[in-house]
Amino acid sequence: MIQYSEGTYGAYAYRILYGGGVFNSYNQHPNQPVKRWGITSTAAGAYQFLYGTWQALAKDLRLVDFTPASQNKAAIELIRRKTALTDVLQGKIAAAIYKCRKLWASLPGSGYGQNEKSIEELLRFYINAGGKLNTSSSS
């Protein structure tokens, strides 16, 4: 769902640069500043990691490359740090999105002014992709 929201969902998800270009090597984060829509960004990969964010996560998690597996581990760690991983595992996706809204500019309520998606659109994508929402009134 984050890939969908960030505009990276698809065959080249893990190789996408900010603005839609593609990088070739998974050896390391490409750290390639791209200017698009009045913003210069080093965001790259399926979860559009900024270079500085990636460097810190790679150090903390001992990641030695920028492969899809490493990108997934880093994204999960960011979600965990926002105390949203339990929400995801329990199907409380709206709560998880709210907690992570400042991590990804495309999430509703991020406040970055960069093509925020609506909560309804993201939940619809999540369900259509096979995700299950916790609809319990006690959750």
N, C-alpha and C. Protein backbone atom coordinates (compact mmCIF):
# COMPACT_ATOMS: atom_id res chain seq x y z
N MET A 1 0.82 -1.18 0.00
CA MET A 1 0.00 0.00 0.00
C MET A 1 0.87 1.25 0.00
N ILE A 2 1.99 1.23 0.72
CA ILE A 2 2.89 2.38 0.72
C ILE A 2 3.46 2.59 -0.68
N GLN A 3 3.82 1.50 -1.34
CA GLN A 3 4.32 1.62 -2.71
C GLN A 3 3.27 2.27 -3.61
N TYR A 4 2.05 1.85 -3.49
CA TYR A 4 0.96 2.44 -4.27
C TYR A 4 0.86 3.93 -3.96
N SER A 5 0.85 4.27 -2.69
CA SER A 5 0.71 5.65 -2.28
C SER A 5 1.86 6.52 -2.79
N GLU A 6 3.07 5.97 -2.73
CA GLU A 6 4.26 6.71 -3.16
C GLU A 6 4.46 6.71 -4.67
N GLY A 7 3.63 5.98 -5.39
CA GLY A 7 3.72 5.96 -6.85
C GLY A 7 4.79 5.03 -7.38
N THR A 8 5.20 4.05 -6.58
CA THR A 8 6.25 3.13 -7.01
C THR A 8 5.74 1.71 -7.24
N TYR A 9 4.47 1.49 -7.07
CA TYR A 9 3.91 0.14 -7.19
C TYR A 9 4.05 -0.36 -8.63
N GLY A 10 4.61 -1.53 -8.79
CA GLY A 10 4.74 -2.11 -10.12
C GLY A 10 6.05 -2.86 -10.28
N ALA A 11 6.35 -3.20 -11.51
CA ALA A 11 7.50 -4.06 -11.83
C ALA A 11 8.84 -3.47 -11.39
N TYR A 12 8.99 -2.16 -11.45
CA TYR A 12 10.28 -1.53 -11.12
C TYR A 12 10.26 -0.88 -9.74
N ALA A 13 9.33 -1.24 -8.90
CA ALA A 13 9.13 -0.58 -7.61
C ALA A 13 10.42 -0.33 -6.85
N TYR A 14 11.26 -1.31 -6.75
CA TYR A 14 12.46 -1.21 -5.91
C TYR A 14 13.60 -0.46 -6.59
N ARG A 15 13.40 -0.03 -7.83
CA ARG A 15 14.44 0.66 -8.59
C ARG A 15 14.05 2.08 -8.98
N ILE A 16 12.98 2.60 -8.42
CA ILE A 16 12.47 3.90 -8.85
C ILE A 16 13.10 5.04 -8.06
N LEU A 17 13.51 6.06 -8.80
CA LEU A 17 14.00 7.31 -8.21
C LEU A 17 12.83 8.28 -8.07
N TYR A 18 12.97 9.23 -7.18
CA TYR A 18 12.00 10.32 -7.08
C TYR A 18 11.82 10.92 -8.48
N GLY A 19 10.60 11.15 -8.87
CA GLY A 19 10.32 11.73 -10.17
C GLY A 19 10.09 10.71 -11.26
N GLY A 20 10.34 9.43 -10.98
CA GLY A 20 10.01 8.38 -11.94
C GLY A 20 11.16 7.75 -12.68
N GLY A 21 12.38 8.26 -12.53
CA GLY A 21 13.52 7.61 -13.17
C GLY A 21 13.81 6.27 -12.53
N VAL A 22 14.75 5.53 -13.11
CA VAL A 22 15.10 4.21 -12.61
C VAL A 22 16.61 4.12 -12.43
N PHE A 23 17.04 3.51 -11.33
CA PHE A 23 18.47 3.26 -11.13
C PHE A 23 18.75 1.79 -11.42
N ASN A 24 20.02 1.45 -11.64
CA ASN A 24 20.36 0.11 -12.12
C ASN A 24 20.94 -0.84 -11.09
N SER A 25 21.61 -0.34 -10.07
CA SER A 25 22.33 -1.22 -9.15
C SER A 25 21.70 -1.22 -7.75
N TYR A 26 21.59 -2.40 -7.19
CA TYR A 26 21.12 -2.54 -5.81
C TYR A 26 22.28 -2.54 -4.81
N ASN A 27 23.48 -2.23 -5.25
CA ASN A 27 24.65 -2.26 -4.35
C ASN A 27 24.50 -1.31 -3.18
N GLN A 28 23.94 -0.13 -3.44
CA GLN A 28 23.75 0.87 -2.39
C GLN A 28 22.67 1.85 -2.84
N HIS A 29 22.18 2.65 -1.87
CA HIS A 29 21.22 3.70 -2.21
C HIS A 29 21.88 4.59 -3.27
N PRO A 30 21.16 4.93 -4.34
CA PRO A 30 21.80 5.69 -5.41
C PRO A 30 22.21 7.12 -5.05
N ASN A 31 21.61 7.71 -4.01
CA ASN A 31 21.95 9.08 -3.59
C ASN A 31 22.05 10.00 -4.80
N GLN A 32 21.04 10.00 -5.60
CA GLN A 32 21.01 10.79 -6.83
C GLN A 32 19.96 11.89 -6.68
N PRO A 33 20.38 13.13 -6.39
CA PRO A 33 19.41 14.21 -6.26
C PRO A 33 18.66 14.45 -7.58
N VAL A 34 17.35 14.48 -7.48
CA VAL A 34 16.50 14.70 -8.65
C VAL A 34 15.61 15.90 -8.36
N LYS A 35 15.59 16.86 -9.28
CA LYS A 35 14.70 18.01 -9.12
C LYS A 35 13.47 17.79 -9.98
N ARG A 36 12.32 17.82 -9.32
CA ARG A 36 11.05 17.60 -10.00
C ARG A 36 9.97 18.33 -9.23
N TRP A 37 9.05 18.94 -9.93
CA TRP A 37 7.92 19.63 -9.31
C TRP A 37 8.38 20.64 -8.24
N GLY A 38 9.50 21.30 -8.49
CA GLY A 38 10.01 22.31 -7.58
C GLY A 38 10.69 21.77 -6.33
N ILE A 39 10.93 20.48 -6.28
CA ILE A 39 11.55 19.84 -5.11
C ILE A 39 12.76 19.04 -5.58
N THR A 40 13.85 19.15 -4.84
CA THR A 40 15.01 18.29 -5.10
C THR A 40 15.04 17.23 -4.02
N SER A 41 15.12 15.97 -4.44
CA SER A 41 15.05 14.87 -3.49
C SER A 41 15.98 13.73 -3.89
N THR A 42 16.49 13.04 -2.89
CA THR A 42 17.29 11.83 -3.10
C THR A 42 16.45 10.57 -2.89
N ALA A 43 15.14 10.72 -2.79
CA ALA A 43 14.27 9.58 -2.53
C ALA A 43 14.44 8.51 -3.60
N ALA A 44 14.51 7.26 -3.14
CA ALA A 44 14.71 6.15 -4.07
C ALA A 44 14.13 4.87 -3.51
N GLY A 45 13.82 3.95 -4.41
CA GLY A 45 13.33 2.64 -4.02
C GLY A 45 11.83 2.59 -3.85
N ALA A 46 11.36 1.42 -3.48
CA ALA A 46 9.93 1.17 -3.35
C ALA A 46 9.27 2.07 -2.31
N TYR A 47 10.02 2.46 -1.30
CA TYR A 47 9.47 3.26 -0.21
C TYR A 47 10.02 4.68 -0.22
N GLN A 48 10.69 5.04 -1.30
CA GLN A 48 11.22 6.39 -1.50
C GLN A 48 12.03 6.88 -0.30
N PHE A 49 13.02 6.10 0.08
CA PHE A 49 13.91 6.47 1.19
C PHE A 49 14.80 7.63 0.78
N LEU A 50 14.84 8.67 1.59
CA LEU A 50 15.84 9.72 1.41
C LEU A 50 17.20 9.15 1.78
N TYR A 51 18.24 9.68 1.17
CA TYR A 51 19.58 9.13 1.40
C TYR A 51 19.96 9.14 2.88
N GLY A 52 19.74 10.24 3.57
CA GLY A 52 20.09 10.32 4.99
C GLY A 52 19.32 9.33 5.84
N THR A 53 18.05 9.18 5.56
CA THR A 53 17.23 8.20 6.27
C THR A 53 17.76 6.80 6.01
N TRP A 54 18.08 6.52 4.75
CA TRP A 54 18.60 5.19 4.41
C TRP A 54 19.92 4.92 5.13
N GLN A 55 20.82 5.88 5.14
CA GLN A 55 22.12 5.69 5.78
C GLN A 55 21.94 5.31 7.26
N ALA A 56 21.07 6.02 7.95
CA ALA A 56 20.83 5.73 9.37
C ALA A 56 20.22 4.34 9.55
N LEU A 57 19.24 4.00 8.74
CA LEU A 57 18.61 2.68 8.84
C LEU A 57 19.59 1.57 8.49
N ALA A 58 20.37 1.78 7.45
CA ALA A 58 21.35 0.76 7.03
C ALA A 58 22.35 0.49 8.15
N LYS A 59 22.76 1.55 8.82
CA LYS A 59 23.70 1.39 9.95
C LYS A 59 23.02 0.64 11.09
N ASP A 60 21.84 1.08 11.48
CA ASP A 60 21.12 0.46 12.60
C ASP A 60 20.79 -1.01 12.35
N LEU A 61 20.41 -1.32 11.11
CA LEU A 61 19.96 -2.67 10.77
C LEU A 61 21.07 -3.52 10.14
N ARG A 62 22.24 -2.92 10.00
CA ARG A 62 23.39 -3.60 9.37
C ARG A 62 23.06 -4.08 7.95
N LEU A 63 22.43 -3.20 7.20
CA LEU A 63 22.10 -3.51 5.81
C LEU A 63 23.28 -3.14 4.93
N VAL A 64 23.68 -4.03 4.06
CA VAL A 64 24.89 -3.82 3.26
C VAL A 64 24.58 -3.50 1.80
N ASP A 65 23.30 -3.43 1.44
CA ASP A 65 22.93 -3.16 0.06
C ASP A 65 21.56 -2.48 0.04
N PHE A 66 21.05 -2.26 -1.15
CA PHE A 66 19.75 -1.59 -1.34
C PHE A 66 18.79 -2.52 -2.09
N THR A 67 18.93 -3.81 -1.84
CA THR A 67 18.10 -4.82 -2.49
C THR A 67 16.64 -4.71 -2.01
N PRO A 68 15.72 -5.33 -2.72
CA PRO A 68 14.34 -5.33 -2.25
C PRO A 68 14.20 -5.85 -0.82
N ALA A 69 14.94 -6.90 -0.46
CA ALA A 69 14.85 -7.43 0.91
C ALA A 69 15.30 -6.38 1.93
N SER A 70 16.37 -5.66 1.63
CA SER A 70 16.85 -4.62 2.55
C SER A 70 15.87 -3.46 2.63
N GLN A 71 15.30 -3.07 1.49
CA GLN A 71 14.31 -2.00 1.50
C GLN A 71 13.09 -2.40 2.33
N ASN A 72 12.64 -3.63 2.20
CA ASN A 72 11.50 -4.10 2.99
C ASN A 72 11.81 -4.07 4.47
N LYS A 73 12.99 -4.55 4.86
CA LYS A 73 13.39 -4.55 6.28
C LYS A 73 13.40 -3.13 6.83
N ALA A 74 13.94 -2.20 6.05
CA ALA A 74 14.03 -0.82 6.51
C ALA A 74 12.64 -0.19 6.64
N ALA A 75 11.75 -0.46 5.70
CA ALA A 75 10.39 0.09 5.78
C ALA A 75 9.66 -0.46 7.01
N ILE A 76 9.81 -1.74 7.25
CA ILE A 76 9.18 -2.35 8.43
C ILE A 76 9.73 -1.72 9.70
N GLU A 77 11.02 -1.45 9.72
CA GLU A 77 11.63 -0.81 10.90
C GLU A 77 11.06 0.59 11.12
N LEU A 78 10.90 1.36 10.06
CA LEU A 78 10.31 2.69 10.21
C LEU A 78 8.89 2.60 10.77
N ILE A 79 8.12 1.66 10.26
CA ILE A 79 6.75 1.46 10.75
C ILE A 79 6.77 1.03 12.22
N ARG A 80 7.70 0.16 12.57
CA ARG A 80 7.83 -0.29 13.97
C ARG A 80 8.17 0.89 14.88
N ARG A 81 9.08 1.75 14.44
CA ARG A 81 9.50 2.90 15.25
C ARG A 81 8.36 3.87 15.50
N LYS A 82 7.39 3.90 14.63
CA LYS A 82 6.21 4.75 14.82
C LYS A 82 5.12 4.03 15.61
N THR A 83 5.45 2.91 16.18
CA THR A 83 4.54 2.04 16.95
C THR A 83 3.31 1.64 16.13
N ALA A 84 3.49 1.48 14.84
CA ALA A 84 2.37 1.14 13.96
C ALA A 84 2.41 -0.31 13.48
N LEU A 85 3.48 -1.03 13.75
CA LEU A 85 3.58 -2.40 13.26
C LEU A 85 2.50 -3.30 13.87
N THR A 86 2.24 -3.14 15.15
CA THR A 86 1.18 -3.91 15.79
C THR A 86 -0.17 -3.60 15.15
N ASP A 87 -0.41 -2.33 14.84
CA ASP A 87 -1.65 -1.95 14.16
C ASP A 87 -1.77 -2.67 12.83
N VAL A 88 -0.69 -2.70 12.06
CA VAL A 88 -0.71 -3.39 10.77
C VAL A 88 -1.04 -4.86 10.97
N LEU A 89 -0.36 -5.49 11.91
CA LEU A 89 -0.57 -6.93 12.15
C LEU A 89 -1.98 -7.24 12.64
N GLN A 90 -2.61 -6.27 13.30
CA GLN A 90 -3.97 -6.45 13.80
C GLN A 90 -5.04 -5.97 12.81
N GLY A 91 -4.62 -5.52 11.63
CA GLY A 91 -5.58 -5.05 10.63
C GLY A 91 -6.11 -3.66 10.88
N LYS A 92 -5.47 -2.91 11.76
CA LYS A 92 -5.88 -1.53 12.06
C LYS A 92 -5.09 -0.59 11.14
N ILE A 93 -5.38 -0.68 9.87
CA ILE A 93 -4.59 -0.01 8.85
C ILE A 93 -4.75 1.51 8.91
N ALA A 94 -5.94 2.00 9.14
CA ALA A 94 -6.14 3.45 9.24
C ALA A 94 -5.31 4.03 10.38
N ALA A 95 -5.27 3.33 11.51
CA ALA A 95 -4.46 3.79 12.64
C ALA A 95 -2.98 3.78 12.29
N ALA A 96 -2.54 2.74 11.58
CA ALA A 96 -1.13 2.66 11.17
C ALA A 96 -0.78 3.78 10.20
N ILE A 97 -1.67 4.05 9.27
CA ILE A 97 -1.44 5.15 8.32
C ILE A 97 -1.30 6.46 9.07
N TYR A 98 -2.18 6.71 10.02
CA TYR A 98 -2.13 7.94 10.80
C TYR A 98 -0.78 8.07 11.52
N LYS A 99 -0.33 7.00 12.14
CA LYS A 99 0.94 7.04 12.88
C LYS A 99 2.14 7.26 11.96
N CYS A 100 2.03 6.80 10.72
CA CYS A 100 3.16 6.88 9.78
C CYS A 100 3.07 8.06 8.82
N ARG A 101 2.08 8.91 8.99
CA ARG A 101 1.80 9.95 8.00
C ARG A 101 2.96 10.91 7.77
N LYS A 102 3.82 11.11 8.76
CA LYS A 102 4.96 12.03 8.59
C LYS A 102 6.16 11.34 7.94
N LEU A 103 6.11 10.01 7.80
CA LEU A 103 7.21 9.28 7.17
C LEU A 103 7.13 9.33 5.64
N TRP A 104 5.92 9.29 5.10
CA TRP A 104 5.74 9.26 3.65
C TRP A 104 4.83 10.41 3.24
N ALA A 105 5.33 11.26 2.35
CA ALA A 105 4.63 12.48 1.94
C ALA A 105 3.27 12.22 1.31
N SER A 106 3.06 11.04 0.78
CA SER A 106 1.80 10.74 0.09
C SER A 106 0.68 10.27 1.03
N LEU A 107 1.01 10.02 2.28
CA LEU A 107 -0.03 9.55 3.22
C LEU A 107 -0.91 10.72 3.64
N PRO A 108 -2.19 10.47 3.87
CA PRO A 108 -3.10 11.55 4.25
C PRO A 108 -2.68 12.17 5.58
N GLY A 109 -2.67 13.50 5.60
CA GLY A 109 -2.28 14.21 6.81
C GLY A 109 -0.80 14.44 6.95
N SER A 110 -0.02 14.10 5.94
CA SER A 110 1.43 14.28 6.04
C SER A 110 1.80 15.76 6.14
N GLY A 111 1.05 16.59 5.43
CA GLY A 111 1.30 18.02 5.48
C GLY A 111 2.43 18.49 4.58
N TYR A 112 2.98 17.61 3.76
CA TYR A 112 4.09 18.00 2.88
C TYR A 112 3.61 18.62 1.57
N GLY A 113 2.32 18.50 1.27
CA GLY A 113 1.79 19.06 0.04
C GLY A 113 2.27 18.35 -1.21
N GLN A 114 2.53 17.05 -1.10
CA GLN A 114 3.05 16.28 -2.23
C GLN A 114 2.10 15.14 -2.61
N ASN A 115 0.98 15.48 -3.18
CA ASN A 115 0.06 14.47 -3.71
C ASN A 115 -0.41 13.46 -2.67
N GLU A 116 -0.92 13.98 -1.57
CA GLU A 116 -1.46 13.08 -0.53
C GLU A 116 -2.64 12.29 -1.08
N LYS A 117 -2.66 11.01 -0.76
CA LYS A 117 -3.79 10.14 -1.11
C LYS A 117 -4.80 10.22 0.03
N SER A 118 -6.05 9.89 -0.26
CA SER A 118 -7.07 9.87 0.79
C SER A 118 -7.01 8.54 1.53
N ILE A 119 -7.48 8.53 2.76
CA ILE A 119 -7.52 7.30 3.54
C ILE A 119 -8.42 6.28 2.83
N GLU A 120 -9.51 6.74 2.24
CA GLU A 120 -10.43 5.85 1.55
C GLU A 120 -9.74 5.15 0.37
N GLU A 121 -8.99 5.91 -0.40
CA GLU A 121 -8.28 5.33 -1.55
C GLU A 121 -7.26 4.28 -1.10
N LEU A 122 -6.53 4.59 -0.04
CA LEU A 122 -5.50 3.66 0.44
C LEU A 122 -6.12 2.39 1.02
N LEU A 123 -7.19 2.53 1.78
CA LEU A 123 -7.85 1.35 2.33
C LEU A 123 -8.47 0.49 1.22
N ARG A 124 -9.01 1.14 0.22
CA ARG A 124 -9.57 0.41 -0.93
C ARG A 124 -8.46 -0.39 -1.63
N PHE A 125 -7.31 0.24 -1.85
CA PHE A 125 -6.19 -0.47 -2.47
C PHE A 125 -5.75 -1.65 -1.60
N TYR A 126 -5.65 -1.42 -0.30
CA TYR A 126 -5.23 -2.46 0.65
C TYR A 126 -6.16 -3.67 0.57
N ILE A 127 -7.45 -3.42 0.58
CA ILE A 127 -8.44 -4.50 0.52
C ILE A 127 -8.37 -5.21 -0.84
N ASN A 128 -8.28 -4.44 -1.91
CA ASN A 128 -8.21 -5.03 -3.25
C ASN A 128 -6.95 -5.87 -3.44
N ALA A 129 -5.89 -5.56 -2.68
CA ALA A 129 -4.65 -6.33 -2.75
C ALA A 129 -4.70 -7.56 -1.85
N GLY A 130 -5.82 -7.75 -1.17
CA GLY A 130 -5.98 -8.94 -0.32
C GLY A 130 -5.84 -8.69 1.16
N GLY A 131 -5.63 -7.44 1.54
CA GLY A 131 -5.51 -7.12 2.96
C GLY A 131 -6.85 -7.20 3.68
N LYS A 132 -6.79 -7.50 4.95
CA LYS A 132 -8.00 -7.60 5.78
C LYS A 132 -7.98 -6.51 6.83
N LEU A 133 -9.09 -5.80 6.95
CA LEU A 133 -9.23 -4.77 7.97
C LEU A 133 -9.87 -5.35 9.21
N ASN A 134 -9.44 -4.86 10.35
CA ASN A 134 -10.07 -5.22 11.62
C ASN A 134 -11.29 -4.32 11.76
N THR A 135 -12.46 -4.90 11.67
CA THR A 135 -13.70 -4.13 11.76
C THR A 135 -14.37 -4.27 13.12
N SER A 136 -13.65 -4.85 14.08
CA SER A 136 -14.18 -5.02 15.42
C SER A 136 -14.40 -3.66 16.06
N SER A 137 -15.55 -3.48 16.68
CA SER A 137 -15.85 -2.20 17.32
C SER A 137 -15.02 -1.98 18.58
N SER A 138 -14.40 -3.02 19.10
CA SER A 138 -13.60 -2.87 20.31
C SER A 138 -12.14 -2.59 20.00
N SER A 139 -11.80 -2.43 18.73
CA SER A 139 -10.39 -2.21 18.39
C SER A 139 -10.03 -0.76 18.27
